[in-house]
Amino acid sequence: MKLKLIVLLTLPLLAANVARADDSDVKGLDYYMDPPSQSDDEADVTGSMLNDAAHTIGFRGGKAERAKEIRAALENQRSNLDYMYSFQPLISSEGYLPPVIAEAKDVAHITNEQIRTANRA
């Protein structure tokens, strides 16, 4: 993954050099594998870009991993959840779940164990 990121970031630079270079300015592969040192500003920008890209990739990977964990937990409880309520009749042939409650105004449900209220602000 890190190699892909480095390649993606360096391709525009290589393409720009190829587009403006003539045959006398051809550099070997070693030049690109160990490029000359950059100024502090260039190094800061490159480091910042790599850091931002790494954070983005890390966040996406973390979200994907968490979604996988939640899906597995739901699959483990599938029979219990299906027993509590079957949503299958509510799902259309295209796979959409229509809204069940369109509107509720000043609703209260009171039992010995809990009180639930909902109102429209």
PDB file of N, CA and C in Angstrom:
ATOM      1  N   MET A   1       0.832  -1.185   0.000  1.00  0.00           N
ATOM      2  CA  MET A   1       0.000   0.000   0.000  1.00  0.00           C
ATOM      3  C   MET A   1       0.875   1.246   0.000  1.00  0.00           C
ATOM      4  N   LYS A   2       1.934   1.232   0.803  1.00  0.00           N
ATOM      5  CA  LYS A   2       2.825   2.391   0.874  1.00  0.00           C
ATOM      6  C   LYS A   2       3.510   2.603  -0.475  1.00  0.00           C
ATOM      7  N   LEU A   3       3.900   1.514  -1.128  1.00  0.00           N
ATOM      8  CA  LEU A   3       4.553   1.621  -2.428  1.00  0.00           C
ATOM      9  C   LEU A   3       3.603   2.213  -3.458  1.00  0.00           C
ATOM     10  N   LYS A   4       2.335   1.783  -3.430  1.00  0.00           N
ATOM     11  CA  LYS A   4       1.351   2.339  -4.362  1.00  0.00           C
ATOM     12  C   LYS A   4       1.194   3.834  -4.146  1.00  0.00           C
ATOM     13  N   LEU A   5       1.156   4.246  -2.900  1.00  0.00           N
ATOM     14  CA  LEU A   5       1.005   5.664  -2.578  1.00  0.00           C
ATOM     15  C   LEU A   5       2.198   6.460  -3.090  1.00  0.00           C
ATOM     16  N   ILE A   6       3.395   5.942  -2.886  1.00  0.00           N
ATOM     17  CA  ILE A   6       4.596   6.632  -3.355  1.00  0.00           C
ATOM     18  C   ILE A   6       4.593   6.721  -4.871  1.00  0.00           C
ATOM     19  N   VAL A   7       4.208   5.631  -5.537  1.00  0.00           N
ATOM     20  CA  VAL A   7       4.155   5.637  -6.998  1.00  0.00           C
ATOM     21  C   VAL A   7       3.132   6.642  -7.494  1.00  0.00           C
ATOM     22  N   LEU A   8       1.949   6.672  -6.866  1.00  0.00           N
ATOM     23  CA  LEU A   8       0.916   7.614  -7.295  1.00  0.00           C
ATOM     24  C   LEU A   8       1.339   9.063  -7.090  1.00  0.00           C
ATOM     25  N   LEU A   9       2.085   9.325  -6.043  1.00  0.00           N
ATOM     26  CA  LEU A   9       2.531  10.692  -5.793  1.00  0.00           C
ATOM     27  C   LEU A   9       3.683  11.109  -6.701  1.00  0.00           C
ATOM     28  N   THR A  10       4.509  10.158  -7.121  1.00  0.00           N
ATOM     29  CA  THR A  10       5.662  10.512  -7.952  1.00  0.00           C
ATOM     30  C   THR A  10       5.374  10.450  -9.441  1.00  0.00           C
ATOM     31  N   LEU A  11       4.298   9.794  -9.853  1.00  0.00           N
ATOM     32  CA  LEU A  11       4.000   9.706 -11.286  1.00  0.00           C
ATOM     33  C   LEU A  11       3.841  11.064 -11.954  1.00  0.00           C
ATOM     34  N   PRO A  12       3.100  12.012 -11.373  1.00  0.00           N
ATOM     35  CA  PRO A  12       3.004  13.322 -12.039  1.00  0.00           C
ATOM     36  C   PRO A  12       4.359  14.009 -12.194  1.00  0.00           C
ATOM     37  N   LEU A  13       5.232  13.848 -11.209  1.00  0.00           N
ATOM     38  CA  LEU A  13       6.564  14.450 -11.312  1.00  0.00           C
ATOM     39  C   LEU A  13       7.370  13.802 -12.424  1.00  0.00           C
ATOM     40  N   LEU A  14       7.298  12.488 -12.509  1.00  0.00           N
ATOM     41  CA  LEU A  14       8.014  11.783 -13.566  1.00  0.00           C
ATOM     42  C   LEU A  14       7.455  12.142 -14.936  1.00  0.00           C
ATOM     43  N   ALA A  15       6.134  12.227 -15.035  1.00  0.00           N
ATOM     44  CA  ALA A  15       5.512  12.568 -16.314  1.00  0.00           C
ATOM     45  C   ALA A  15       5.911  13.969 -16.751  1.00  0.00           C
ATOM     46  N   ALA A  16       5.978  14.900 -15.819  1.00  0.00           N
ATOM     47  CA  ALA A  16       6.388  16.264 -16.160  1.00  0.00           C
ATOM     48  C   ALA A  16       7.833  16.290 -16.633  1.00  0.00           C
ATOM     49  N   ASN A  17       8.697  15.511 -15.994  1.00  0.00           N
ATOM     50  CA  ASN A  17      10.097  15.456 -16.413  1.00  0.00           C
ATOM     51  C   ASN A  17      10.239  14.818 -17.783  1.00  0.00           C
ATOM     52  N   VAL A  18       9.469  13.787 -18.050  1.00  0.00           N
ATOM     53  CA  VAL A  18       9.537  13.116 -19.349  1.00  0.00           C
ATOM     54  C   VAL A  18       9.044  14.045 -20.444  1.00  0.00           C
ATOM     55  N   ALA A  19       7.980  14.804 -20.169  1.00  0.00           N
ATOM     56  CA  ALA A  19       7.403  15.679 -21.183  1.00  0.00           C
ATOM     57  C   ALA A  19       8.359  16.793 -21.582  1.00  0.00           C
ATOM     58  N   ARG A  20       9.171  17.303 -20.676  1.00  0.00           N
ATOM     59  CA  ARG A  20      10.037  18.429 -21.012  1.00  0.00           C
ATOM     60  C   ARG A  20      11.493  18.014 -21.217  1.00  0.00           C
ATOM     61  N   ALA A  21      11.806  16.757 -21.028  1.00  0.00           N
ATOM     62  CA  ALA A  21      13.193  16.310 -21.151  1.00  0.00           C
ATOM     63  C   ALA A  21      13.510  15.936 -22.589  1.00  0.00           C
ATOM     64  N   ASP A  22      14.729  16.224 -22.983  1.00  0.00           N
ATOM     65  CA  ASP A  22      15.194  15.736 -24.274  1.00  0.00           C
ATOM     66  C   ASP A  22      16.088  14.528 -24.018  1.00  0.00           C
ATOM     67  N   ASP A  23      16.613  13.922 -25.080  1.00  0.00           N
ATOM     68  CA  ASP A  23      17.392  12.691 -24.929  1.00  0.00           C
ATOM     69  C   ASP A  23      18.676  12.901 -24.133  1.00  0.00           C
ATOM     70  N   SER A  24      19.229  14.093 -24.161  1.00  0.00           N
ATOM     71  CA  SER A  24      20.476  14.330 -23.438  1.00  0.00           C
ATOM     72  C   SER A  24      20.249  14.457 -21.929  1.00  0.00           C
ATOM     73  N   ASP A  25      19.000  14.623 -21.510  1.00  0.00           N
ATOM     74  CA  ASP A  25      18.677  14.828 -20.100  1.00  0.00           C
ATOM     75  C   ASP A  25      18.116  13.561 -19.443  1.00  0.00           C
ATOM     76  N   VAL A  26      18.332  12.397 -20.035  1.00  0.00           N
ATOM     77  CA  VAL A  26      17.791  11.150 -19.499  1.00  0.00           C
ATOM     78  C   VAL A  26      18.567  10.761 -18.247  1.00  0.00           C
ATOM     79  N   LYS A  27      17.832  10.480 -17.199  1.00  0.00           N
ATOM     80  CA  LYS A  27      18.448  10.078 -15.935  1.00  0.00           C
ATOM     81  C   LYS A  27      18.179   8.594 -15.712  1.00  0.00           C
ATOM     82  N   GLY A  28      19.097   7.942 -15.077  1.00  0.00           N
ATOM     83  CA  GLY A  28      18.943   6.527 -14.799  1.00  0.00           C
ATOM     84  C   GLY A  28      17.979   6.270 -13.650  1.00  0.00           C
ATOM     85  N   LEU A  29      17.628   5.011 -13.469  1.00  0.00           N
ATOM     86  CA  LEU A  29      16.701   4.616 -12.416  1.00  0.00           C
ATOM     87  C   LEU A  29      17.256   4.937 -11.027  1.00  0.00           C
ATOM     88  N   ASP A  30      18.566   4.851 -10.869  1.00  0.00           N
ATOM     89  CA  ASP A  30      19.184   5.150  -9.572  1.00  0.00           C
ATOM     90  C   ASP A  30      18.909   6.585  -9.133  1.00  0.00           C
ATOM     91  N   TYR A  31      18.835   7.495 -10.083  1.00  0.00           N
ATOM     92  CA  TYR A  31      18.544   8.895  -9.756  1.00  0.00           C
ATOM     93  C   TYR A  31      17.187   9.014  -9.071  1.00  0.00           C
ATOM     94  N   TYR A  32      16.204   8.267  -9.577  1.00  0.00           N
ATOM     95  CA  TYR A  32      14.853   8.354  -9.017  1.00  0.00           C
ATOM     96  C   TYR A  32      14.694   7.516  -7.748  1.00  0.00           C
ATOM     97  N   MET A  33      15.496   6.476  -7.611  1.00  0.00           N
ATOM     98  CA  MET A  33      15.436   5.666  -6.398  1.00  0.00           C
ATOM     99  C   MET A  33      16.077   6.396  -5.215  1.00  0.00           C
ATOM    100  N   ASP A  34      17.070   7.237  -5.487  1.00  0.00           N
ATOM    101  CA  ASP A  34      17.733   8.012  -4.440  1.00  0.00           C
ATOM    102  C   ASP A  34      17.828   9.458  -4.920  1.00  0.00           C
ATOM    103  N   PRO A  35      16.697  10.180  -4.900  1.00  0.00           N
ATOM    104  CA  PRO A  35      16.690  11.536  -5.459  1.00  0.00           C
ATOM    105  C   PRO A  35      17.520  12.494  -4.609  1.00  0.00           C
ATOM    106  N   PRO A  36      17.952  13.589  -5.231  1.00  0.00           N
ATOM    107  CA  PRO A  36      18.697  14.582  -4.451  1.00  0.00           C
ATOM    108  C   PRO A  36      17.814  15.166  -3.352  1.00  0.00           C
ATOM    109  N   SER A  37      18.446  15.664  -2.309  1.00  0.00           N
ATOM    110  CA  SER A  37      17.676  16.176  -1.175  1.00  0.00           C
ATOM    111  C   SER A  37      16.837  17.376  -1.595  1.00  0.00           C
ATOM    112  N   GLN A  38      15.671  17.484  -0.958  1.00  0.00           N
ATOM    113  CA  GLN A  38      14.740  18.562  -1.259  1.00  0.00           C
ATOM    114  C   GLN A  38      14.965  19.708  -0.283  1.00  0.00           C
ATOM    115  N   SER A  39      14.450  20.863  -0.653  1.00  0.00           N
ATOM    116  CA  SER A  39      14.483  21.981   0.284  1.00  0.00           C
ATOM    117  C   SER A  39      13.501  21.687   1.416  1.00  0.00           C
ATOM    118  N   ASP A  40      13.596  22.438   2.488  1.00  0.00           N
ATOM    119  CA  ASP A  40      12.719  22.216   3.639  1.00  0.00           C
ATOM    120  C   ASP A  40      11.254  22.393   3.275  1.00  0.00           C
ATOM    121  N   ASP A  41      10.948  23.390   2.442  1.00  0.00           N
ATOM    122  CA  ASP A  41       9.558  23.632   2.048  1.00  0.00           C
ATOM    123  C   ASP A  41       8.994  22.452   1.267  1.00  0.00           C
ATOM    124  N   GLU A  42       9.789  21.936   0.316  1.00  0.00           N
ATOM    125  CA  GLU A  42       9.329  20.791  -0.477  1.00  0.00           C
ATOM    126  C   GLU A  42       9.156  19.564   0.405  1.00  0.00           C
ATOM    127  N   ALA A  43      10.080  19.353   1.320  1.00  0.00           N
ATOM    128  CA  ALA A  43       9.989  18.196   2.215  1.00  0.00           C
ATOM    129  C   ALA A  43       8.760  18.313   3.108  1.00  0.00           C
ATOM    130  N   ASP A  44       8.466  19.526   3.591  1.00  0.00           N
ATOM    131  CA  ASP A  44       7.286  19.729   4.431  1.00  0.00           C
ATOM    132  C   ASP A  44       6.006  19.438   3.664  1.00  0.00           C
ATOM    133  N   VAL A  45       5.933  19.913   2.423  1.00  0.00           N
ATOM    134  CA  VAL A  45       4.737  19.693   1.609  1.00  0.00           C
ATOM    135  C   VAL A  45       4.578  18.207   1.309  1.00  0.00           C
ATOM    136  N   THR A  46       5.666  17.560   0.930  1.00  0.00           N
ATOM    137  CA  THR A  46       5.601  16.128   0.630  1.00  0.00           C
ATOM    138  C   THR A  46       5.206  15.335   1.871  1.00  0.00           C
ATOM    139  N   GLY A  47       5.809  15.658   2.997  1.00  0.00           N
ATOM    140  CA  GLY A  47       5.464  14.964   4.239  1.00  0.00           C
ATOM    141  C   GLY A  47       4.016  15.183   4.628  1.00  0.00           C
ATOM    142  N   SER A  48       3.540  16.401   4.444  1.00  0.00           N
ATOM    143  CA  SER A  48       2.142  16.710   4.761  1.00  0.00           C
ATOM    144  C   SER A  48       1.195  15.936   3.854  1.00  0.00           C
ATOM    145  N   MET A  49       1.529  15.871   2.557  1.00  0.00           N
ATOM    146  CA  MET A  49       0.680  15.121   1.617  1.00  0.00           C
ATOM    147  C   MET A  49       0.657  13.641   1.968  1.00  0.00           C
ATOM    148  N   LEU A  50       1.819  13.088   2.268  1.00  0.00           N
ATOM    149  CA  LEU A  50       1.877  11.670   2.641  1.00  0.00           C
ATOM    150  C   LEU A  50       1.113  11.416   3.935  1.00  0.00           C
ATOM    151  N   ASN A  51       1.240  12.317   4.892  1.00  0.00           N
ATOM    152  CA  ASN A  51       0.536  12.181   6.165  1.00  0.00           C
ATOM    153  C   ASN A  51      -0.977  12.228   5.955  1.00  0.00           C
ATOM    154  N   ASP A  52      -1.453  13.182   5.162  1.00  0.00           N
ATOM    155  CA  ASP A  52      -2.888  13.289   4.888  1.00  0.00           C
ATOM    156  C   ASP A  52      -3.411  12.047   4.175  1.00  0.00           C
ATOM    157  N   ALA A  53      -2.658  11.575   3.188  1.00  0.00           N
ATOM    158  CA  ALA A  53      -3.078  10.376   2.458  1.00  0.00           C
ATOM    159  C   ALA A  53      -3.100   9.163   3.379  1.00  0.00           C
ATOM    160  N   ALA A  54      -2.107   9.049   4.245  1.00  0.00           N
ATOM    161  CA  ALA A  54      -2.057   7.917   5.175  1.00  0.00           C
ATOM    162  C   ALA A  54      -3.229   7.957   6.149  1.00  0.00           C
ATOM    163  N   HIS A  55      -3.568   9.155   6.641  1.00  0.00           N
ATOM    164  CA  HIS A  55      -4.718   9.269   7.541  1.00  0.00           C
ATOM    165  C   HIS A  55      -6.002   8.862   6.833  1.00  0.00           C
ATOM    166  N   THR A  56      -6.172   9.322   5.600  1.00  0.00           N
ATOM    167  CA  THR A  56      -7.378   8.980   4.845  1.00  0.00           C
ATOM    168  C   THR A  56      -7.492   7.470   4.659  1.00  0.00           C
ATOM    169  N   ILE A  57      -6.399   6.855   4.269  1.00  0.00           N
ATOM    170  CA  ILE A  57      -6.410   5.404   4.062  1.00  0.00           C
ATOM    171  C   ILE A  57      -6.670   4.688   5.387  1.00  0.00           C
ATOM    172  N   GLY A  58      -6.063   5.164   6.456  1.00  0.00           N
ATOM    173  CA  GLY A  58      -6.277   4.556   7.768  1.00  0.00           C
ATOM    174  C   GLY A  58      -7.711   4.686   8.243  1.00  0.00           C
ATOM    175  N   PHE A  59      -8.306   5.870   8.050  1.00  0.00           N
ATOM    176  CA  PHE A  59      -9.699   6.075   8.453  1.00  0.00           C
ATOM    177  C   PHE A  59     -10.620   5.150   7.673  1.00  0.00           C
ATOM    178  N   ARG A  60     -10.405   5.061   6.377  1.00  0.00           N
ATOM    179  CA  ARG A  60     -11.258   4.192   5.553  1.00  0.00           C
ATOM    180  C   ARG A  60     -11.110   2.738   5.967  1.00  0.00           C
ATOM    181  N   GLY A  61      -9.886   2.321   6.220  1.00  0.00           N
ATOM    182  CA  GLY A  61      -9.665   0.949   6.660  1.00  0.00           C
ATOM    183  C   GLY A  61     -10.321   0.667   7.997  1.00  0.00           C
ATOM    184  N   GLY A  62     -10.238   1.625   8.909  1.00  0.00           N
ATOM    185  CA  GLY A  62     -10.874   1.466  10.215  1.00  0.00           C
ATOM    186  C   GLY A  62     -12.383   1.384  10.114  1.00  0.00           C
ATOM    187  N   LYS A  63     -12.959   2.229   9.262  1.00  0.00           N
ATOM    188  CA  LYS A  63     -14.415   2.193   9.076  1.00  0.00           C
ATOM    189  C   LYS A  63     -14.846   0.867   8.455  1.00  0.00           C
ATOM    190  N   ALA A  64     -14.087   0.393   7.486  1.00  0.00           N
ATOM    191  CA  ALA A  64     -14.422  -0.881   6.849  1.00  0.00           C
ATOM    192  C   ALA A  64     -14.324  -2.027   7.851  1.00  0.00           C
ATOM    193  N   GLU A  65     -13.301  -2.005   8.684  1.00  0.00           N
ATOM    194  CA  GLU A  65     -13.134  -3.061   9.691  1.00  0.00           C
ATOM    195  C   GLU A  65     -14.276  -3.030  10.700  1.00  0.00           C
ATOM    196  N   ARG A  66     -14.664  -1.832  11.138  1.00  0.00           N
ATOM    197  CA  ARG A  66     -15.765  -1.717  12.107  1.00  0.00           C
ATOM    198  C   ARG A  66     -17.080  -2.171  11.484  1.00  0.00           C
ATOM    199  N   ALA A  67     -17.317  -1.819  10.235  1.00  0.00           N
ATOM    200  CA  ALA A  67     -18.533  -2.264   9.549  1.00  0.00           C
ATOM    201  C   ALA A  67     -18.564  -3.786   9.453  1.00  0.00           C
ATOM    202  N   LYS A  68     -17.408  -4.382   9.208  1.00  0.00           N
ATOM    203  CA  LYS A  68     -17.318  -5.845   9.141  1.00  0.00           C
ATOM    204  C   LYS A  68     -17.651  -6.470  10.501  1.00  0.00           C
ATOM    205  N   GLU A  69     -17.153  -5.867  11.588  1.00  0.00           N
ATOM    206  CA  GLU A  69     -17.442  -6.371  12.934  1.00  0.00           C
ATOM    207  C   GLU A  69     -18.929  -6.262  13.263  1.00  0.00           C
ATOM    208  N   ILE A  70     -19.533  -5.124  12.924  1.00  0.00           N
ATOM    209  CA  ILE A  70     -20.965  -4.930  13.197  1.00  0.00           C
ATOM    210  C   ILE A  70     -21.794  -5.918  12.397  1.00  0.00           C
ATOM    211  N   ARG A  71     -21.428  -6.114  11.137  1.00  0.00           N
ATOM    212  CA  ARG A  71     -22.163  -7.060  10.290  1.00  0.00           C
ATOM    213  C   ARG A  71     -22.071  -8.476  10.855  1.00  0.00           C
ATOM    214  N   ALA A  72     -20.883  -8.853  11.322  1.00  0.00           N
ATOM    215  CA  ALA A  72     -20.709 -10.190  11.907  1.00  0.00           C
ATOM    216  C   ALA A  72     -21.544 -10.342  13.176  1.00  0.00           C
ATOM    217  N   ALA A  73     -21.592  -9.293  14.010  1.00  0.00           N
ATOM    218  CA  ALA A  73     -22.397  -9.351  15.235  1.00  0.00           C
ATOM    219  C   ALA A  73     -23.878  -9.486  14.901  1.00  0.00           C
ATOM    220  N   LEU A  74     -24.333  -8.768  13.886  1.00  0.00           N
ATOM    221  CA  LEU A  74     -25.737  -8.879  13.476  1.00  0.00           C
ATOM    222  C   LEU A  74     -26.038 -10.263  12.898  1.00  0.00           C
ATOM    223  N   GLU A  75     -25.108 -10.797  12.132  1.00  0.00           N
ATOM    224  CA  GLU A  75     -25.302 -12.142  11.573  1.00  0.00           C
ATOM    225  C   GLU A  75     -25.374 -13.182  12.693  1.00  0.00           C
ATOM    226  N   ASN A  76     -24.580 -13.003  13.749  1.00  0.00           N
ATOM    227  CA  ASN A  76     -24.624 -13.932  14.885  1.00  0.00           C
ATOM    228  C   ASN A  76     -25.969 -13.886  15.602  1.00  0.00           C
ATOM    229  N   GLN A  77     -26.617 -12.734  15.599  1.00  0.00           N
ATOM    230  CA  GLN A  77     -27.913 -12.562  16.266  1.00  0.00           C
ATOM    231  C   GLN A  77     -29.086 -12.644  15.288  1.00  0.00           C
ATOM    232  N   ARG A  78     -28.829 -13.088  14.084  1.00  0.00           N
ATOM    233  CA  ARG A  78     -29.852 -13.082  13.034  1.00  0.00           C
ATOM    234  C   ARG A  78     -31.136 -13.798  13.443  1.00  0.00           C
ATOM    235  N   SER A  79     -31.017 -14.991  13.981  1.00  0.00           N
ATOM    236  CA  SER A  79     -32.225 -15.752  14.328  1.00  0.00           C
ATOM    237  C   SER A  79     -33.029 -15.035  15.417  1.00  0.00           C
ATOM    238  N   ASN A  80     -32.352 -14.473  16.414  1.00  0.00           N
ATOM    239  CA  ASN A  80     -33.061 -13.732  17.467  1.00  0.00           C
ATOM    240  C   ASN A  80     -33.750 -12.497  16.903  1.00  0.00           C
ATOM    241  N   LEU A  81     -33.050 -11.761  16.057  1.00  0.00           N
ATOM    242  CA  LEU A  81     -33.626 -10.548  15.478  1.00  0.00           C
ATOM    243  C   LEU A  81     -34.789 -10.877  14.545  1.00  0.00           C
ATOM    244  N   ASP A  82     -34.654 -11.942  13.755  1.00  0.00           N
ATOM    245  CA  ASP A  82     -35.753 -12.348  12.870  1.00  0.00           C
ATOM    246  C   ASP A  82     -36.962 -12.817  13.671  1.00  0.00           C
ATOM    247  N   TYR A  83     -36.712 -13.437  14.826  1.00  0.00           N
ATOM    248  CA  TYR A  83     -37.811 -13.886  15.678  1.00  0.00           C
ATOM    249  C   TYR A  83     -38.566 -12.688  16.266  1.00  0.00           C
ATOM    250  N   MET A  84     -37.821 -11.640  16.656  1.00  0.00           N
ATOM    251  CA  MET A  84     -38.454 -10.452  17.240  1.00  0.00           C
ATOM    252  C   MET A  84     -39.338  -9.727  16.235  1.00  0.00           C
ATOM    253  N   TYR A  85     -38.829  -9.551  15.025  1.00  0.00           N
ATOM    254  CA  TYR A  85     -39.625  -8.856  14.018  1.00  0.00           C
ATOM    255  C   TYR A  85     -39.109  -9.210  12.635  1.00  0.00           C
ATOM    256  N   SER A  86     -40.019  -9.549  11.751  1.00  0.00           N
ATOM    257  CA  SER A  86     -39.653  -9.870  10.376  1.00  0.00           C
ATOM    258  C   SER A  86     -39.871  -8.639   9.494  1.00  0.00           C
ATOM    259  N   PHE A  87     -38.790  -8.093   8.991  1.00  0.00           N
ATOM    260  CA  PHE A  87     -38.873  -6.929   8.111  1.00  0.00           C
ATOM    261  C   PHE A  87     -39.071  -7.327   6.648  1.00  0.00           C
ATOM    262  N   GLN A  88     -38.986  -8.602   6.335  1.00  0.00           N
ATOM    263  CA  GLN A  88     -39.067  -9.054   4.945  1.00  0.00           C
ATOM    264  C   GLN A  88     -40.327  -8.572   4.227  1.00  0.00           C
ATOM    265  N   PRO A  89     -41.511  -8.606   4.846  1.00  0.00           N
ATOM    266  CA  PRO A  89     -42.694  -8.117   4.129  1.00  0.00           C
ATOM    267  C   PRO A  89     -42.645  -6.617   3.821  1.00  0.00           C
ATOM    268  N   LEU A  90     -41.844  -5.863   4.547  1.00  0.00           N
ATOM    269  CA  LEU A  90     -41.764  -4.420   4.332  1.00  0.00           C
ATOM    270  C   LEU A  90     -40.787  -4.024   3.230  1.00  0.00           C
ATOM    271  N   ILE A  91     -39.895  -4.926   2.866  1.00  0.00           N
ATOM    272  CA  ILE A  91     -38.867  -4.607   1.881  1.00  0.00           C
ATOM    273  C   ILE A  91     -39.426  -4.806   0.482  1.00  0.00           C
ATOM    274  N   SER A  92     -39.262  -3.790  -0.366  1.00  0.00           N
ATOM    275  CA  SER A  92     -39.771  -3.877  -1.740  1.00  0.00           C
ATOM    276  C   SER A  92     -38.884  -4.797  -2.568  1.00  0.00           C
ATOM    277  N   SER A  93     -39.333  -5.111  -3.768  1.00  0.00           N
ATOM    278  CA  SER A  93     -38.569  -6.015  -4.635  1.00  0.00           C
ATOM    279  C   SER A  93     -37.223  -5.407  -5.035  1.00  0.00           C
ATOM    280  N   GLU A  94     -37.121  -4.065  -5.010  1.00  0.00           N
ATOM    281  CA  GLU A  94     -35.850  -3.407  -5.334  1.00  0.00           C
ATOM    282  C   GLU A  94     -34.895  -3.385  -4.146  1.00  0.00           C
ATOM    283  N   GLY A  95     -35.372  -3.808  -2.979  1.00  0.00           N
ATOM    284  CA  GLY A  95     -34.522  -3.848  -1.804  1.00  0.00           C
ATOM    285  C   GLY A  95     -34.632  -2.637  -0.910  1.00  0.00           C
ATOM    286  N   TYR A  96     -35.585  -1.748  -1.187  1.00  0.00           N
ATOM    287  CA  TYR A  96     -35.756  -0.545  -0.367  1.00  0.00           C
ATOM    288  C   TYR A  96     -36.694  -0.817   0.794  1.00  0.00           C
ATOM    289  N   LEU A  97     -36.379  -0.253   1.930  1.00  0.00           N
ATOM    290  CA  LEU A  97     -37.229  -0.350   3.110  1.00  0.00           C
ATOM    291  C   LEU A  97     -38.008   0.955   3.222  1.00  0.00           C
ATOM    292  N   PRO A  98     -39.324   0.910   3.014  1.00  0.00           N
ATOM    293  CA  PRO A  98     -40.102   2.151   3.074  1.00  0.00           C
ATOM    294  C   PRO A  98     -40.204   2.661   4.508  1.00  0.00           C
ATOM    295  N   PRO A  99     -40.433   3.960   4.678  1.00  0.00           N
ATOM    296  CA  PRO A  99     -40.600   4.478   6.034  1.00  0.00           C
ATOM    297  C   PRO A  99     -41.842   3.882   6.680  1.00  0.00           C
ATOM    298  N   VAL A 100     -41.728   3.499   7.929  1.00  0.00           N
ATOM    299  CA  VAL A 100     -42.841   2.871   8.633  1.00  0.00           C
ATOM    300  C   VAL A 100     -43.702   3.926   9.315  1.00  0.00           C
ATOM    301  N   ILE A 101     -43.071   4.902   9.940  1.00  0.00           N
ATOM    302  CA  ILE A 101     -43.800   5.963  10.629  1.00  0.00           C
ATOM    303  C   ILE A 101     -43.612   7.249   9.835  1.00  0.00           C
ATOM    304  N   ALA A 102     -44.721   7.821   9.389  1.00  0.00           N
ATOM    305  CA  ALA A 102     -44.639   9.067   8.631  1.00  0.00           C
ATOM    306  C   ALA A 102     -44.574  10.267   9.562  1.00  0.00           C
ATOM    307  N   GLU A 103     -45.374  10.259  10.630  1.00  0.00           N
ATOM    308  CA  GLU A 103     -45.386  11.396  11.538  1.00  0.00           C
ATOM    309  C   GLU A 103     -45.982  10.977  12.876  1.00  0.00           C
ATOM    310  N   ALA A 104     -45.448  11.519  13.945  1.00  0.00           N
ATOM    311  CA  ALA A 104     -45.980  11.279  15.287  1.00  0.00           C
ATOM    312  C   ALA A 104     -46.003  12.603  16.028  1.00  0.00           C
ATOM    313  N   LYS A 105     -47.120  12.883  16.689  1.00  0.00           N
ATOM    314  CA  LYS A 105     -47.253  14.131  17.446  1.00  0.00           C
ATOM    315  C   LYS A 105     -47.615  13.806  18.889  1.00  0.00           C
ATOM    316  N   ASP A 106     -46.831  14.331  19.802  1.00  0.00           N
ATOM    317  CA  ASP A 106     -47.111  14.213  21.235  1.00  0.00           C
ATOM    318  C   ASP A 106     -47.503  12.792  21.645  1.00  0.00           C
ATOM    319  N   VAL A 107     -46.620  11.861  21.393  1.00  0.00           N
ATOM    320  CA  VAL A 107     -46.867  10.457  21.698  1.00  0.00           C
ATOM    321  C   VAL A 107     -46.219  10.126  23.040  1.00  0.00           C
ATOM    322  N   ALA A 108     -46.949   9.385  23.872  1.00  0.00           N
ATOM    323  CA  ALA A 108     -46.408   8.943  25.159  1.00  0.00           C
ATOM    324  C   ALA A 108     -46.811   7.496  25.382  1.00  0.00           C
ATOM    325  N   HIS A 109     -45.851   6.706  25.842  1.00  0.00           N
ATOM    326  CA  HIS A 109     -46.110   5.309  26.180  1.00  0.00           C
ATOM    327  C   HIS A 109     -45.555   5.095  27.587  1.00  0.00           C
ATOM    328  N   ILE A 110     -46.432   4.793  28.524  1.00  0.00           N
ATOM    329  CA  ILE A 110     -46.037   4.682  29.925  1.00  0.00           C
ATOM    330  C   ILE A 110     -46.330   3.270  30.413  1.00  0.00           C
ATOM    331  N   THR A 111     -45.297   2.628  30.959  1.00  0.00           N
ATOM    332  CA  THR A 111     -45.451   1.317  31.597  1.00  0.00           C
ATOM    333  C   THR A 111     -44.873   1.425  33.005  1.00  0.00           C
ATOM    334  N   ASN A 112     -44.938   0.316  33.755  1.00  0.00           N
ATOM    335  CA  ASN A 112     -44.377   0.314  35.106  1.00  0.00           C
ATOM    336  C   ASN A 112     -42.857   0.463  35.097  1.00  0.00           C
ATOM    337  N   GLU A 113     -42.214   0.072  33.989  1.00  0.00           N
ATOM    338  CA  GLU A 113     -40.755   0.063  33.943  1.00  0.00           C
ATOM    339  C   GLU A 113     -40.148   1.249  33.210  1.00  0.00           C
ATOM    340  N   GLN A 114     -40.912   1.887  32.323  1.00  0.00           N
ATOM    341  CA  GLN A 114     -40.327   2.984  31.560  1.00  0.00           C
ATOM    342  C   GLN A 114     -41.386   3.952  31.051  1.00  0.00           C
ATOM    343  N   ILE A 115     -40.918   5.122  30.680  1.00  0.00           N
ATOM    344  CA  ILE A 115     -41.771   6.135  30.067  1.00  0.00           C
ATOM    345  C   ILE A 115     -41.093   6.565  28.773  1.00  0.00           C
ATOM    346  N   ARG A 116     -41.812   6.477  27.657  1.00  0.00           N
ATOM    347  CA  ARG A 116     -41.280   6.917  26.372  1.00  0.00           C
ATOM    348  C   ARG A 116     -42.171   8.017  25.826  1.00  0.00           C
ATOM    349  N   THR A 117     -41.561   9.106  25.416  1.00  0.00           N
ATOM    350  CA  THR A 117     -42.330  10.204  24.834  1.00  0.00           C
ATOM    351  C   THR A 117     -41.682  10.652  23.536  1.00  0.00           C
ATOM    352  N   ALA A 118     -42.493  11.220  22.675  1.00  0.00           N
ATOM    353  CA  ALA A 118     -42.001  11.801  21.428  1.00  0.00           C
ATOM    354  C   ALA A 118     -42.908  12.956  21.073  1.00  0.00           C
ATOM    355  N   ASN A 119     -42.314  14.041  20.669  1.00  0.00           N
ATOM    356  CA  ASN A 119     -43.124  15.161  20.205  1.00  0.00           C
ATOM    357  C   ASN A 119     -42.432  15.833  19.037  1.00  0.00           C
ATOM    358  N   ARG A 120     -43.176  16.608  18.341  1.00  0.00           N
ATOM    359  CA  ARG A 120     -42.648  17.285  17.164  1.00  0.00           C
ATOM    360  C   ARG A 120     -42.270  18.704  17.559  1.00  0.00           C
ATOM    361  N   ALA A 121     -41.027  19.034  17.348  1.00  0.00           N
ATOM    362  CA  ALA A 121     -40.558  20.370  17.734  1.00  0.00           C
ATOM    363  C   ALA A 121     -40.801  21.375  16.632  1.00  0.00           C
TER     364      ALA A 121
END
